C-alpha atoms as a PDB file:
ATOM      1  CA  UNK A   1      -6.045  -2.961 -43.224  1.00  0.00           C
ATOM      2  CA  UNK A   2      -6.640  -0.214 -40.721  1.00  0.00           C
ATOM      3  CA  UNK A   3      -4.263   0.774 -37.943  1.00  0.00           C
ATOM      4  CA  UNK A   4      -5.703  -1.852 -35.586  1.00  0.00           C
ATOM      5  CA  UNK A   5      -4.719  -4.704 -37.883  1.00  0.00           C
ATOM      6  CA  UNK A   6      -2.019  -7.076 -36.751  1.00  0.00           C
ATOM      7  CA  UNK A   7       0.814  -6.482 -39.217  1.00  0.00           C
ATOM      8  CA  UNK A   8       3.143  -9.102 -37.808  1.00  0.00           C
ATOM      9  CA  UNK A   9       0.450 -11.806 -37.845  1.00  0.00           C
ATOM     10  CA  UNK A  10      -1.521 -11.559 -41.105  1.00  0.00           C
ATOM     11  CA  UNK A  11      -3.651 -14.570 -40.121  1.00  0.00           C
ATOM     12  CA  UNK A  12      -5.198 -12.690 -37.211  1.00  0.00           C
ATOM     13  CA  UNK A  13      -8.377 -10.774 -37.927  1.00  0.00           C
ATOM     14  CA  UNK A  14      -8.837  -7.086 -37.116  1.00  0.00           C
ATOM     15  CA  UNK A  15     -11.021  -6.294 -34.131  1.00  0.00           C
ATOM     16  CA  UNK A  16     -13.939  -4.996 -36.206  1.00  0.00           C
ATOM     17  CA  UNK A  17     -14.117  -8.302 -38.142  1.00  0.00           C
ATOM     18  CA  UNK A  18     -15.170 -10.296 -35.082  1.00  0.00           C
ATOM     19  CA  UNK A  19     -18.841 -11.098 -34.567  1.00  0.00           C
ATOM     20  CA  UNK A  20     -19.866  -9.371 -37.789  1.00  0.00           C
ATOM     21  CA  UNK A  21     -22.404 -12.017 -38.667  1.00  0.00           C
ATOM     22  CA  UNK A  22     -24.481 -12.105 -35.491  1.00  0.00           C
ATOM     23  CA  UNK A  23     -23.681  -8.489 -34.421  1.00  0.00           C
ATOM     24  CA  UNK A  24     -23.349  -9.659 -30.814  1.00  0.00           C
ATOM     25  CA  UNK A  25     -21.054  -7.747 -28.413  1.00  0.00           C
ATOM     26  CA  UNK A  26     -17.489  -8.881 -27.803  1.00  0.00           C
ATOM     27  CA  UNK A  27     -16.753 -11.137 -24.888  1.00  0.00           C
ATOM     28  CA  UNK A  28     -13.573 -11.326 -22.859  1.00  0.00           C
ATOM     29  CA  UNK A  29     -12.800 -14.674 -24.489  1.00  0.00           C
ATOM     30  CA  UNK A  30     -12.916 -13.015 -27.914  1.00  0.00           C
ATOM     31  CA  UNK A  31     -10.337 -10.429 -26.886  1.00  0.00           C
ATOM     32  CA  UNK A  32      -8.141 -13.016 -25.193  1.00  0.00           C
ATOM     33  CA  UNK A  33      -7.954 -14.944 -28.481  1.00  0.00           C
ATOM     34  CA  UNK A  34      -6.484 -11.974 -30.307  1.00  0.00           C
ATOM     35  CA  UNK A  35      -2.745 -12.064 -30.788  1.00  0.00           C
ATOM     36  CA  UNK A  36      -2.485  -8.330 -30.146  1.00  0.00           C
ATOM     37  CA  UNK A  37       0.832  -6.577 -30.556  1.00  0.00           C
ATOM     38  CA  UNK A  38       0.483  -3.431 -28.423  1.00  0.00           C
ATOM     39  CA  UNK A  39       3.280  -1.685 -30.290  1.00  0.00           C
ATOM     40  CA  UNK A  40       1.337  -1.921 -33.566  1.00  0.00           C
ATOM     41  CA  UNK A  41      -2.018  -1.377 -31.909  1.00  0.00           C
ATOM     42  CA  UNK A  42      -0.961   1.962 -30.446  1.00  0.00           C
ATOM     43  CA  UNK A  43       0.241   3.259 -33.827  1.00  0.00           C
ATOM     44  CA  UNK A  44       3.581   4.770 -32.763  1.00  0.00           C
ATOM     45  CA  UNK A  45       5.321   7.081 -35.177  1.00  0.00           C
ATOM     46  CA  UNK A  46       8.687   6.041 -36.604  1.00  0.00           C
ATOM     47  CA  UNK A  47      11.998   7.228 -35.036  1.00  0.00           C
ATOM     48  CA  UNK A  48      12.933   8.923 -38.359  1.00  0.00           C
ATOM     49  CA  UNK A  49       9.746  10.959 -38.210  1.00  0.00           C
ATOM     50  CA  UNK A  50      10.455  12.034 -34.613  1.00  0.00           C
ATOM     51  CA  UNK A  51      14.043  12.950 -35.373  1.00  0.00           C
ATOM     52  CA  UNK A  52      12.932  15.124 -38.284  1.00  0.00           C
ATOM     53  CA  UNK A  53      10.538  17.067 -36.062  1.00  0.00           C
ATOM     54  CA  UNK A  54      13.125  17.392 -33.263  1.00  0.00           C
ATOM     55  CA  UNK A  55      10.519  16.893 -30.576  1.00  0.00           C
ATOM     56  CA  UNK A  56      12.449  14.417 -28.437  1.00  0.00           C
ATOM     57  CA  UNK A  57      16.048  13.964 -27.354  1.00  0.00           C
ATOM     58  CA  UNK A  58      18.089  10.878 -28.156  1.00  0.00           C
ATOM     59  CA  UNK A  59      18.050   9.840 -24.487  1.00  0.00           C
ATOM     60  CA  UNK A  60      14.257  10.073 -24.299  1.00  0.00           C
ATOM     61  CA  UNK A  61      13.872   8.088 -27.491  1.00  0.00           C
ATOM     62  CA  UNK A  62      16.255   5.400 -26.236  1.00  0.00           C
ATOM     63  CA  UNK A  63      14.359   5.058 -22.966  1.00  0.00           C
ATOM     64  CA  UNK A  64      10.962   5.059 -24.646  1.00  0.00           C
ATOM     65  CA  UNK A  65      12.067   2.503 -27.221  1.00  0.00           C
ATOM     66  CA  UNK A  66      13.129   0.200 -24.392  1.00  0.00           C
ATOM     67  CA  UNK A  67       9.791   0.587 -22.600  1.00  0.00           C
ATOM     68  CA  UNK A  68       7.942   0.117 -25.886  1.00  0.00           C
ATOM     69  CA  UNK A  69       9.927  -3.063 -26.512  1.00  0.00           C
ATOM     70  CA  UNK A  70       8.870  -4.495 -23.157  1.00  0.00           C
ATOM     71  CA  UNK A  71       5.239  -3.434 -23.603  1.00  0.00           C
ATOM     72  CA  UNK A  72       4.964  -5.023 -27.039  1.00  0.00           C
ATOM     73  CA  UNK A  73       4.647  -8.612 -25.773  1.00  0.00           C
ATOM     74  CA  UNK A  74       3.329 -10.509 -22.771  1.00  0.00           C
ATOM     75  CA  UNK A  75       6.773 -11.663 -21.631  1.00  0.00           C
ATOM     76  CA  UNK A  76       8.061  -8.081 -21.581  1.00  0.00           C
ATOM     77  CA  UNK A  77       5.102  -6.850 -19.558  1.00  0.00           C
ATOM     78  CA  UNK A  78       5.628  -9.709 -17.095  1.00  0.00           C
ATOM     79  CA  UNK A  79       9.272  -8.622 -16.785  1.00  0.00           C
ATOM     80  CA  UNK A  80       8.183  -5.044 -16.035  1.00  0.00           C
ATOM     81  CA  UNK A  81       5.782  -6.328 -13.378  1.00  0.00           C
ATOM     82  CA  UNK A  82       8.516  -8.397 -11.719  1.00  0.00           C
ATOM     83  CA  UNK A  83      10.851  -5.405 -11.633  1.00  0.00           C
ATOM     84  CA  UNK A  84       8.274  -3.488  -9.553  1.00  0.00           C
ATOM     85  CA  UNK A  85       8.143  -5.985  -6.658  1.00  0.00           C
ATOM     86  CA  UNK A  86      11.396  -5.132  -4.866  1.00  0.00           C
ATOM     87  CA  UNK A  87      10.970  -1.311  -5.022  1.00  0.00           C
ATOM     88  CA  UNK A  88       7.440  -1.657  -3.634  1.00  0.00           C
ATOM     89  CA  UNK A  89       8.631  -3.844  -0.761  1.00  0.00           C
ATOM     90  CA  UNK A  90      11.445  -1.432   0.064  1.00  0.00           C
ATOM     91  CA  UNK A  91       9.113   1.557  -0.016  1.00  0.00           C
ATOM     92  CA  UNK A  92       6.484  -0.089   2.188  1.00  0.00           C
ATOM     93  CA  UNK A  93       9.084  -1.300   4.688  1.00  0.00           C
ATOM     94  CA  UNK A  94      10.491   2.212   4.929  1.00  0.00           C
ATOM     95  CA  UNK A  95       7.367   4.377   5.094  1.00  0.00           C
ATOM     96  CA  UNK A  96       4.359   2.184   5.877  1.00  0.00           C
ATOM     97  CA  UNK A  97       2.752   3.291   9.141  1.00  0.00           C
ATOM     98  CA  UNK A  98       1.673  -0.232  10.061  1.00  0.00           C
ATOM     99  CA  UNK A  99       5.174  -1.635   9.546  1.00  0.00           C
ATOM    100  CA  UNK A 100       6.521   0.953  11.974  1.00  0.00           C
ATOM    101  CA  UNK A 101       4.078   0.463  14.833  1.00  0.00           C
ATOM    102  CA  UNK A 102       3.970  -3.360  14.583  1.00  0.00           C
ATOM    103  CA  UNK A 103       6.850  -5.811  14.695  1.00  0.00           C
ATOM    104  CA  UNK A 104       7.337  -7.245  11.180  1.00  0.00           C
ATOM    105  CA  UNK A 105       7.807 -11.019  11.140  1.00  0.00           C
ATOM    106  CA  UNK A 106       8.592 -12.635   7.774  1.00  0.00           C
ATOM    107  CA  UNK A 107       7.240 -16.105   8.526  1.00  0.00           C
ATOM    108  CA  UNK A 108       7.509 -17.503   4.985  1.00  0.00           C
ATOM    109  CA  UNK A 109       5.085 -19.702   3.097  1.00  0.00           C
ATOM    110  CA  UNK A 110       5.548 -22.961   5.006  1.00  0.00           C
ATOM    111  CA  UNK A 111       5.471 -21.581   8.554  1.00  0.00           C
ATOM    112  CA  UNK A 112       2.442 -20.960  10.736  1.00  0.00           C
ATOM    113  CA  UNK A 113       2.328 -17.575  12.513  1.00  0.00           C
ATOM    114  CA  UNK A 114       1.977 -18.900  16.069  1.00  0.00           C
ATOM    115  CA  UNK A 115       2.502 -16.479  18.962  1.00  0.00           C
ATOM    116  CA  UNK A 116       2.264 -16.609  22.749  1.00  0.00           C
ATOM    117  CA  UNK A 117       0.354 -14.045  24.780  1.00  0.00           C
ATOM    118  CA  UNK A 118       1.152 -13.131  28.356  1.00  0.00           C
ATOM    119  CA  UNK A 119      -1.106 -13.939  31.263  1.00  0.00           C
ATOM    120  CA  UNK A 120      -4.105 -11.668  31.826  1.00  0.00           C
ATOM    121  CA  UNK A 121      -3.716 -10.196  28.327  1.00  0.00           C
ATOM    122  CA  UNK A 122      -6.222 -10.147  25.507  1.00  0.00           C
ATOM    123  CA  UNK A 123      -5.180 -10.718  21.906  1.00  0.00           C
ATOM    124  CA  UNK A 124      -6.901  -9.173  18.905  1.00  0.00           C
ATOM    125  CA  UNK A 125      -6.350 -10.180  15.284  1.00  0.00           C
ATOM    126  CA  UNK A 126      -7.850  -9.779  11.819  1.00  0.00           C
ATOM    127  CA  UNK A 127      -9.876 -12.712  10.505  1.00  0.00           C
ATOM    128  CA  UNK A 128      -8.906 -14.733   7.433  1.00  0.00           C
ATOM    129  CA  UNK A 129     -11.421 -12.797   5.353  1.00  0.00           C
ATOM    130  CA  UNK A 130      -9.558  -9.569   6.210  1.00  0.00           C
ATOM    131  CA  UNK A 131     -12.764  -7.840   7.325  1.00  0.00           C
ATOM    132  CA  UNK A 132     -13.499  -8.797  10.946  1.00  0.00           C
ATOM    133  CA  UNK A 133     -11.625  -8.256  14.205  1.00  0.00           C
ATOM    134  CA  UNK A 134     -11.559 -11.265  16.529  1.00  0.00           C
ATOM    135  CA  UNK A 135     -10.543 -11.550  20.178  1.00  0.00           C
ATOM    136  CA  UNK A 136      -8.876 -14.411  21.979  1.00  0.00           C
ATOM    137  CA  UNK A 137      -8.087 -15.041  25.662  1.00  0.00           C
ATOM    138  CA  UNK A 138      -5.787 -17.991  24.970  1.00  0.00           C
ATOM    139  CA  UNK A 139      -2.103 -17.932  25.752  1.00  0.00           C
ATOM    140  CA  UNK A 140      -1.165 -19.225  22.277  1.00  0.00           C
ATOM    141  CA  UNK A 141      -2.880 -18.246  19.028  1.00  0.00           C
ATOM    142  CA  UNK A 142      -2.462 -18.876  15.306  1.00  0.00           C
ATOM    143  CA  UNK A 143      -2.831 -15.582  13.442  1.00  0.00           C
ATOM    144  CA  UNK A 144      -4.911 -15.905  10.247  1.00  0.00           C
ATOM    145  CA  UNK A 145      -3.382 -14.762   6.962  1.00  0.00           C
ATOM    146  CA  UNK A 146      -5.387 -12.596   4.562  1.00  0.00           C
ATOM    147  CA  UNK A 147      -4.627 -11.006   1.209  1.00  0.00           C
ATOM    148  CA  UNK A 148      -4.475  -7.348   0.169  1.00  0.00           C
ATOM    149  CA  UNK A 149      -4.560  -6.505  -3.545  1.00  0.00           C
ATOM    150  CA  UNK A 150      -4.080  -3.452  -5.747  1.00  0.00           C
ATOM    151  CA  UNK A 151      -4.775  -3.412  -9.497  1.00  0.00           C
ATOM    152  CA  UNK A 152      -3.284  -0.286 -11.108  1.00  0.00           C
ATOM    153  CA  UNK A 153      -4.309   0.063 -14.754  1.00  0.00           C
ATOM    154  CA  UNK A 154      -3.303   2.434 -17.536  1.00  0.00           C
ATOM    155  CA  UNK A 155      -5.487   3.022 -20.649  1.00  0.00           C
ATOM    156  CA  UNK A 156      -3.872   2.165 -23.962  1.00  0.00           C
ATOM    157  CA  UNK A 157      -4.599   5.603 -25.390  1.00  0.00           C
ATOM    158  CA  UNK A 158      -2.325   7.169 -22.751  1.00  0.00           C
ATOM    159  CA  UNK A 159       0.535   4.985 -23.895  1.00  0.00           C
ATOM    160  CA  UNK A 160      -0.220   5.963 -27.472  1.00  0.00           C
ATOM    161  CA  UNK A 161       0.302   9.569 -26.435  1.00  0.00           C
ATOM    162  CA  UNK A 162       3.772   8.508 -25.214  1.00  0.00           C
ATOM    163  CA  UNK A 163       3.001   8.876 -21.528  1.00  0.00           C
ATOM    164  CA  UNK A 164       5.745   6.416 -20.691  1.00  0.00           C
ATOM    165  CA  UNK A 165       5.802   6.961 -16.931  1.00  0.00           C
ATOM    166  CA  UNK A 166       3.733   3.780 -16.728  1.00  0.00           C
ATOM    167  CA  UNK A 167       6.010   2.109 -14.181  1.00  0.00           C
ATOM    168  CA  UNK A 168       6.106   5.121 -11.840  1.00  0.00           C
ATOM    169  CA  UNK A 169       2.350   5.600 -11.982  1.00  0.00           C
ATOM    170  CA  UNK A 170       1.637   1.912 -11.415  1.00  0.00           C
ATOM    171  CA  UNK A 171       4.101   1.763  -8.500  1.00  0.00           C
ATOM    172  CA  UNK A 172       2.670   4.886  -6.859  1.00  0.00           C
ATOM    173  CA  UNK A 173      -0.900   3.635  -7.158  1.00  0.00           C
ATOM    174  CA  UNK A 174      -0.031   0.163  -5.866  1.00  0.00           C
ATOM    175  CA  UNK A 175       1.930   1.656  -2.947  1.00  0.00           C
ATOM    176  CA  UNK A 176      -0.898   4.036  -2.052  1.00  0.00           C
ATOM    177  CA  UNK A 177      -3.540   1.301  -2.224  1.00  0.00           C
ATOM    178  CA  UNK A 178      -1.600  -1.261  -0.185  1.00  0.00           C
ATOM    179  CA  UNK A 179      -0.526   1.267   2.443  1.00  0.00           C
ATOM    180  CA  UNK A 180      -4.101   2.543   2.796  1.00  0.00           C
ATOM    181  CA  UNK A 181      -5.520  -0.994   3.105  1.00  0.00           C
ATOM    182  CA  UNK A 182      -2.925  -1.821   5.761  1.00  0.00           C
ATOM    183  CA  UNK A 183      -3.789   1.320   7.731  1.00  0.00           C
ATOM    184  CA  UNK A 184      -7.530   0.644   7.574  1.00  0.00           C
ATOM    185  CA  UNK A 185      -7.111  -2.893   8.933  1.00  0.00           C
ATOM    186  CA  UNK A 186      -4.628  -1.783  11.610  1.00  0.00           C
ATOM    187  CA  UNK A 187      -6.850   1.041  12.864  1.00  0.00           C
ATOM    188  CA  UNK A 188      -9.832  -1.310  13.064  1.00  0.00           C
ATOM    189  CA  UNK A 189      -7.652  -3.605  15.148  1.00  0.00           C
ATOM    190  CA  UNK A 190      -6.425  -0.799  17.425  1.00  0.00           C
ATOM    191  CA  UNK A 191      -9.942   0.548  17.874  1.00  0.00           C
ATOM    192  CA  UNK A 192     -11.215  -2.861  19.023  1.00  0.00           C
ATOM    193  CA  UNK A 193      -8.229  -3.403  21.317  1.00  0.00           C
ATOM    194  CA  UNK A 194      -8.726  -0.043  23.063  1.00  0.00           C
ATOM    195  CA  UNK A 195     -12.501  -0.192  23.356  1.00  0.00           C
ATOM    196  CA  UNK A 196     -12.222  -0.421  27.160  1.00  0.00           C
ATOM    197  CA  UNK A 197      -9.061   1.686  27.394  1.00  0.00           C
ATOM    198  CA  UNK A 198     -10.364   5.067  26.173  1.00  0.00           C
ATOM    199  CA  UNK A 199      -9.787   8.421  27.860  1.00  0.00           C
ATOM    200  CA  UNK A 200     -11.775  11.489  26.785  1.00  0.00           C
ATOM    201  CA  UNK A 201     -10.109  14.879  26.840  1.00  0.00           C
ATOM    202  CA  UNK A 202     -10.336  18.394  25.462  1.00  0.00           C
ATOM    203  CA  UNK A 203      -7.663  20.661  24.021  1.00  0.00           C
ATOM    204  CA  UNK A 204      -7.044  22.540  27.250  1.00  0.00           C
ATOM    205  CA  UNK A 205      -6.479  19.380  29.282  1.00  0.00           C
ATOM    206  CA  UNK A 206      -4.647  17.321  26.640  1.00  0.00           C
ATOM    207  CA  UNK A 207      -1.146  17.828  28.077  1.00  0.00           C
ATOM    208  CA  UNK A 208      -2.110  16.456  31.487  1.00  0.00           C
ATOM    209  CA  UNK A 209      -4.059  13.599  29.924  1.00  0.00           C
ATOM    210  CA  UNK A 210      -1.098  12.673  27.732  1.00  0.00           C
ATOM    211  CA  UNK A 211       1.278  12.673  30.698  1.00  0.00           C
ATOM    212  CA  UNK A 212      -1.030  10.514  32.804  1.00  0.00           C
ATOM    213  CA  UNK A 213      -1.536   8.031  29.966  1.00  0.00           C
ATOM    214  CA  UNK A 214       2.182   7.785  29.266  1.00  0.00           C
ATOM    215  CA  UNK A 215       2.881   7.290  32.970  1.00  0.00           C
ATOM    216  CA  UNK A 216       0.399   4.387  33.072  1.00  0.00           C
ATOM    217  CA  UNK A 217       2.668   2.386  30.745  1.00  0.00           C
ATOM    218  CA  UNK A 218       5.274   2.228  33.518  1.00  0.00           C
ATOM    219  CA  UNK A 219       2.979   0.042  35.598  1.00  0.00           C
ATOM    220  CA  UNK A 220       3.546  -2.734  33.044  1.00  0.00           C
ATOM    221  CA  UNK A 221       7.277  -2.031  32.582  1.00  0.00           C
ATOM    222  CA  UNK A 222       6.628  -0.526  29.146  1.00  0.00           C
ATOM    223  CA  UNK A 223       7.726   2.705  27.526  1.00  0.00           C
ATOM    224  CA  UNK A 224       5.818   4.720  24.924  1.00  0.00           C
ATOM    225  CA  UNK A 225       7.372   4.724  21.438  1.00  0.00           C
ATOM    226  CA  UNK A 226       4.702   5.862  18.960  1.00  0.00           C
ATOM    227  CA  UNK A 227       1.714   8.181  18.725  1.00  0.00           C
ATOM    228  CA  UNK A 228      -0.803   8.178  15.859  1.00  0.00           C
ATOM    229  CA  UNK A 229      -3.371  10.876  15.233  1.00  0.00           C
ATOM    230  CA  UNK A 230      -5.382  12.302  12.363  1.00  0.00           C
ATOM    231  CA  UNK A 231      -4.124  14.918   9.917  1.00  0.00           C
ATOM    232  CA  UNK A 232      -7.036  17.140  10.979  1.00  0.00           C
ATOM    233  CA  UNK A 233      -5.828  17.226  14.599  1.00  0.00           C
ATOM    234  CA  UNK A 234      -2.134  17.485  13.790  1.00  0.00           C
ATOM    235  CA  UNK A 235      -2.057  21.318  13.284  1.00  0.00           C
ATOM    236  CA  UNK A 236      -3.495  21.777  16.767  1.00  0.00           C
ATOM    237  CA  UNK A 237      -1.299  19.042  18.222  1.00  0.00           C
ATOM    238  CA  UNK A 238       1.949  20.591  17.010  1.00  0.00           C
ATOM    239  CA  UNK A 239       1.220  23.823  18.912  1.00  0.00           C
ATOM    240  CA  UNK A 240       1.669  22.130  22.273  1.00  0.00           C
ATOM    241  CA  UNK A 241       4.962  22.578  24.058  1.00  0.00           C
ATOM    242  CA  UNK A 242       5.647  18.843  24.329  1.00  0.00           C
ATOM    243  CA  UNK A 243       5.763  18.482  20.525  1.00  0.00           C
ATOM    244  CA  UNK A 244       9.033  19.062  18.692  1.00  0.00           C
ATOM    245  CA  UNK A 245       9.157  19.371  14.934  1.00  0.00           C
ATOM    246  CA  UNK A 246      12.586  17.732  14.738  1.00  0.00           C
ATOM    247  CA  UNK A 247      12.376  14.736  12.465  1.00  0.00           C
ATOM    248  CA  UNK A 248      15.510  12.586  12.982  1.00  0.00           C
ATOM    249  CA  UNK A 249      15.712  12.090   9.202  1.00  0.00           C
ATOM    250  CA  UNK A 250      15.881  15.806   8.459  1.00  0.00           C
ATOM    251  CA  UNK A 251      13.453  18.384   6.998  1.00  0.00           C
ATOM    252  CA  UNK A 252      12.274  16.022   4.248  1.00  0.00           C
ATOM    253  CA  UNK A 253      12.380  12.927   6.424  1.00  0.00           C
ATOM    254  CA  UNK A 254       8.603  12.539   6.645  1.00  0.00           C
ATOM    255  CA  UNK A 255       8.588  11.619   2.966  1.00  0.00           C
ATOM    256  CA  UNK A 256      10.851   8.626   3.601  1.00  0.00           C
ATOM    257  CA  UNK A 257      10.076   7.698   7.214  1.00  0.00           C
ATOM    258  CA  UNK A 258       6.512   8.915   7.802  1.00  0.00           C
ATOM    259  CA  UNK A 259       7.581  10.575  11.074  1.00  0.00           C
ATOM    260  CA  UNK A 260       6.228  14.101  11.501  1.00  0.00           C
ATOM    261  CA  UNK A 261       8.073  14.914  14.694  1.00  0.00           C
ATOM    262  CA  UNK A 262       8.588  13.819  18.292  1.00  0.00           C
ATOM    263  CA  UNK A 263       6.653  14.278  21.512  1.00  0.00           C
ATOM    264  CA  UNK A 264       8.221  14.491  24.974  1.00  0.00           C
ATOM    265  CA  UNK A 265      11.651  14.112  23.406  1.00  0.00           C
ATOM    266  CA  UNK A 266      11.657  10.486  22.211  1.00  0.00           C
ATOM    267  CA  UNK A 267       8.148   9.493  21.075  1.00  0.00           C
ATOM    268  CA  UNK A 268       7.635   9.375  17.283  1.00  0.00           C
ATOM    269  CA  UNK A 269       4.479  11.085  16.020  1.00  0.00           C
ATOM    270  CA  UNK A 270       2.615   9.891  12.911  1.00  0.00           C
ATOM    271  CA  UNK A 271      -0.505  11.193  11.184  1.00  0.00           C
ATOM    272  CA  UNK A 272      -2.992   9.438   8.908  1.00  0.00           C
ATOM    273  CA  UNK A 273      -6.126  10.407   7.019  1.00  0.00           C
ATOM    274  CA  UNK A 274      -7.876   7.174   8.036  1.00  0.00           C
ATOM    275  CA  UNK A 275      -8.605   8.466  11.573  1.00  0.00           C
ATOM    276  CA  UNK A 276     -11.802  10.502  11.495  1.00  0.00           C
ATOM    277  CA  UNK A 277     -13.064  10.536  15.117  1.00  0.00           C
ATOM    278  CA  UNK A 278     -10.339  12.571  16.804  1.00  0.00           C
ATOM    279  CA  UNK A 279      -8.624   9.529  18.307  1.00  0.00           C
ATOM    280  CA  UNK A 280      -4.991   9.637  19.410  1.00  0.00           C
ATOM    281  CA  UNK A 281      -3.381   6.199  19.761  1.00  0.00           C
ATOM    282  CA  UNK A 282      -0.477   5.882  22.182  1.00  0.00           C
ATOM    283  CA  UNK A 283       1.595   2.707  21.803  1.00  0.00           C
ATOM    284  CA  UNK A 284       4.596   0.968  23.283  1.00  0.00           C
ATOM    285  CA  UNK A 285       7.545  -0.444  21.335  1.00  0.00           C
ATOM    286  CA  UNK A 286       6.453  -2.424  18.233  1.00  0.00           C
ATOM    287  CA  UNK A 287       7.357  -5.807  19.754  1.00  0.00           C
ATOM    288  CA  UNK A 288       5.105  -5.013  22.753  1.00  0.00           C
ATOM    289  CA  UNK A 289       2.255  -3.597  20.632  1.00  0.00           C
ATOM    290  CA  UNK A 290       1.569  -6.088  17.880  1.00  0.00           C
ATOM    291  CA  UNK A 291       2.977  -8.291  15.156  1.00  0.00           C
ATOM    292  CA  UNK A 292       2.635  -8.133  11.389  1.00  0.00           C
ATOM    293  CA  UNK A 293       3.369 -11.651  10.086  1.00  0.00           C
ATOM    294  CA  UNK A 294       4.178 -11.593   6.366  1.00  0.00           C
ATOM    295  CA  UNK A 295       3.728 -14.880   4.532  1.00  0.00           C
ATOM    296  CA  UNK A 296       4.186 -13.474   1.002  1.00  0.00           C
ATOM    297  CA  UNK A 297       5.544  -9.960   0.665  1.00  0.00           C
ATOM    298  CA  UNK A 298       4.487  -7.718  -2.204  1.00  0.00           C
ATOM    299  CA  UNK A 299       4.426  -9.573  -5.526  1.00  0.00           C
ATOM    300  CA  UNK A 300       3.520  -7.883  -8.801  1.00  0.00           C
ATOM    301  CA  UNK A 301       2.141  -9.715 -11.843  1.00  0.00           C
ATOM    302  CA  UNK A 302       1.010  -8.537 -15.241  1.00  0.00           C
ATOM    303  CA  UNK A 303      -2.791  -8.230 -15.372  1.00  0.00           C
ATOM    304  CA  UNK A 304      -3.786  -6.751 -18.729  1.00  0.00           C
ATOM    305  CA  UNK A 305      -7.440  -6.315 -19.612  1.00  0.00           C
ATOM    306  CA  UNK A 306      -7.722  -6.314 -23.441  1.00  0.00           C
ATOM    307  CA  UNK A 307     -11.525  -6.225 -23.258  1.00  0.00           C
ATOM    308  CA  UNK A 308     -11.308  -2.777 -21.590  1.00  0.00           C
ATOM    309  CA  UNK A 309      -8.144  -1.832 -23.520  1.00  0.00           C
ATOM    310  CA  UNK A 310      -6.069  -1.518 -20.352  1.00  0.00           C
ATOM    311  CA  UNK A 311      -2.453  -2.323 -19.534  1.00  0.00           C
ATOM    312  CA  UNK A 312      -2.434  -3.312 -15.885  1.00  0.00           C
ATOM    313  CA  UNK A 313      -0.617  -4.927 -13.005  1.00  0.00           C
ATOM    314  CA  UNK A 314      -1.712  -6.840  -9.926  1.00  0.00           C
ATOM    315  CA  UNK A 315       0.174  -6.197  -6.651  1.00  0.00           C
ATOM    316  CA  UNK A 316      -0.686  -8.562  -3.806  1.00  0.00           C
ATOM    317  CA  UNK A 317       0.591  -9.349  -0.328  1.00  0.00           C
ATOM    318  CA  UNK A 318      -0.449 -12.020   2.174  1.00  0.00           C
ATOM    319  CA  UNK A 319      -0.147 -10.784   5.744  1.00  0.00           C
ATOM    320  CA  UNK A 320      -1.723 -11.066   9.169  1.00  0.00           C
ATOM    321  CA  UNK A 321      -2.277  -8.564  11.990  1.00  0.00           C
ATOM    322  CA  UNK A 322      -2.205  -9.207  15.703  1.00  0.00           C
ATOM    323  CA  UNK A 323      -2.001  -6.910  18.729  1.00  0.00           C
ATOM    324  CA  UNK A 324      -2.352  -7.326  22.473  1.00  0.00           C
ATOM    325  CA  UNK A 325      -2.980  -5.200  25.528  1.00  0.00           C
ATOM    326  CA  UNK A 326      -1.713  -3.391  27.592  1.00  0.00           C
ATOM    327  CA  UNK A 327       0.663  -1.804  25.084  1.00  0.00           C
ATOM    328  CA  UNK A 328      -2.051   0.385  23.492  1.00  0.00           C
ATOM    329  CA  UNK A 329      -4.095   3.294  24.848  1.00  0.00           C
ATOM    330  CA  UNK A 330      -6.416   5.769  23.155  1.00  0.00           C
ATOM    331  CA  UNK A 331      -7.361   9.379  23.843  1.00  0.00           C
ATOM    332  CA  UNK A 332     -10.382  10.909  22.127  1.00  0.00           C
ATOM    333  CA  UNK A 333     -10.345  14.681  21.670  1.00  0.00           C
ATOM    334  CA  UNK A 334     -13.718  16.346  22.125  1.00  0.00           C
END
């Protein structure tokens, strides 16, 4: 048998033996029927062989053997997927832009996200499909729940080359995808909510415009807490005298908190690549800006694709998004 044969299951046929008679291409069902042992399929060298060459330390071999043990069967890969859920939730709760500007409400699976809106206020929320922004003038609304998904995958040949940082790579990709999807939906929501609350300004007049906009929050007994702008405008923004590059979390705090600095002493400043039109969003405290109801926080499952020879995971979350005026204003730099 060749190296793709299943040594631990001699009844199973090698991949090249399938569909030999009719020469038709493989289907996903064909691959799902294979009792594939990834450890054997990848053709790892023996520990004695590695020790003789002296290429790896004992600690590296111990760690890699443990990962290889988990990857060698479906139950082990499901265990690896489960172990990724809590770190992803912690990371998103700590650094996600949306979870900092909106109030996070863990409603649970059996509760409806029902919220009251003040008089003479308009509510905006994302539809159940996760694609449209809807508006409501009612005093009580039920926020729809939609699903965001990330499917990080790693080719089998990379694992064969002992690139065992599978968990870190899958976590980073899932975190990046989910955070980006959250930001895209939130910015669509903020853009719709501020459609009639836009102020145009240029660089020379930005300081006065910012002060006037911040002062307008006082008319509704609100205070400004957060500012969001694009990464392209941030270099120019940080030159103004009202901006202070003093992250409360320290020099490396932006990595863990997402805060790039403060404006006018107490307002947190964030930047994102999803803003492309020069908009600067000025928002009140999260509880007066919007709500992020979470029905199912990040859950990771094993999602291998043997037909494409991929080891993969599926990270999903079921959330809603809802914001209301007048806690949001927008300035567009021209």
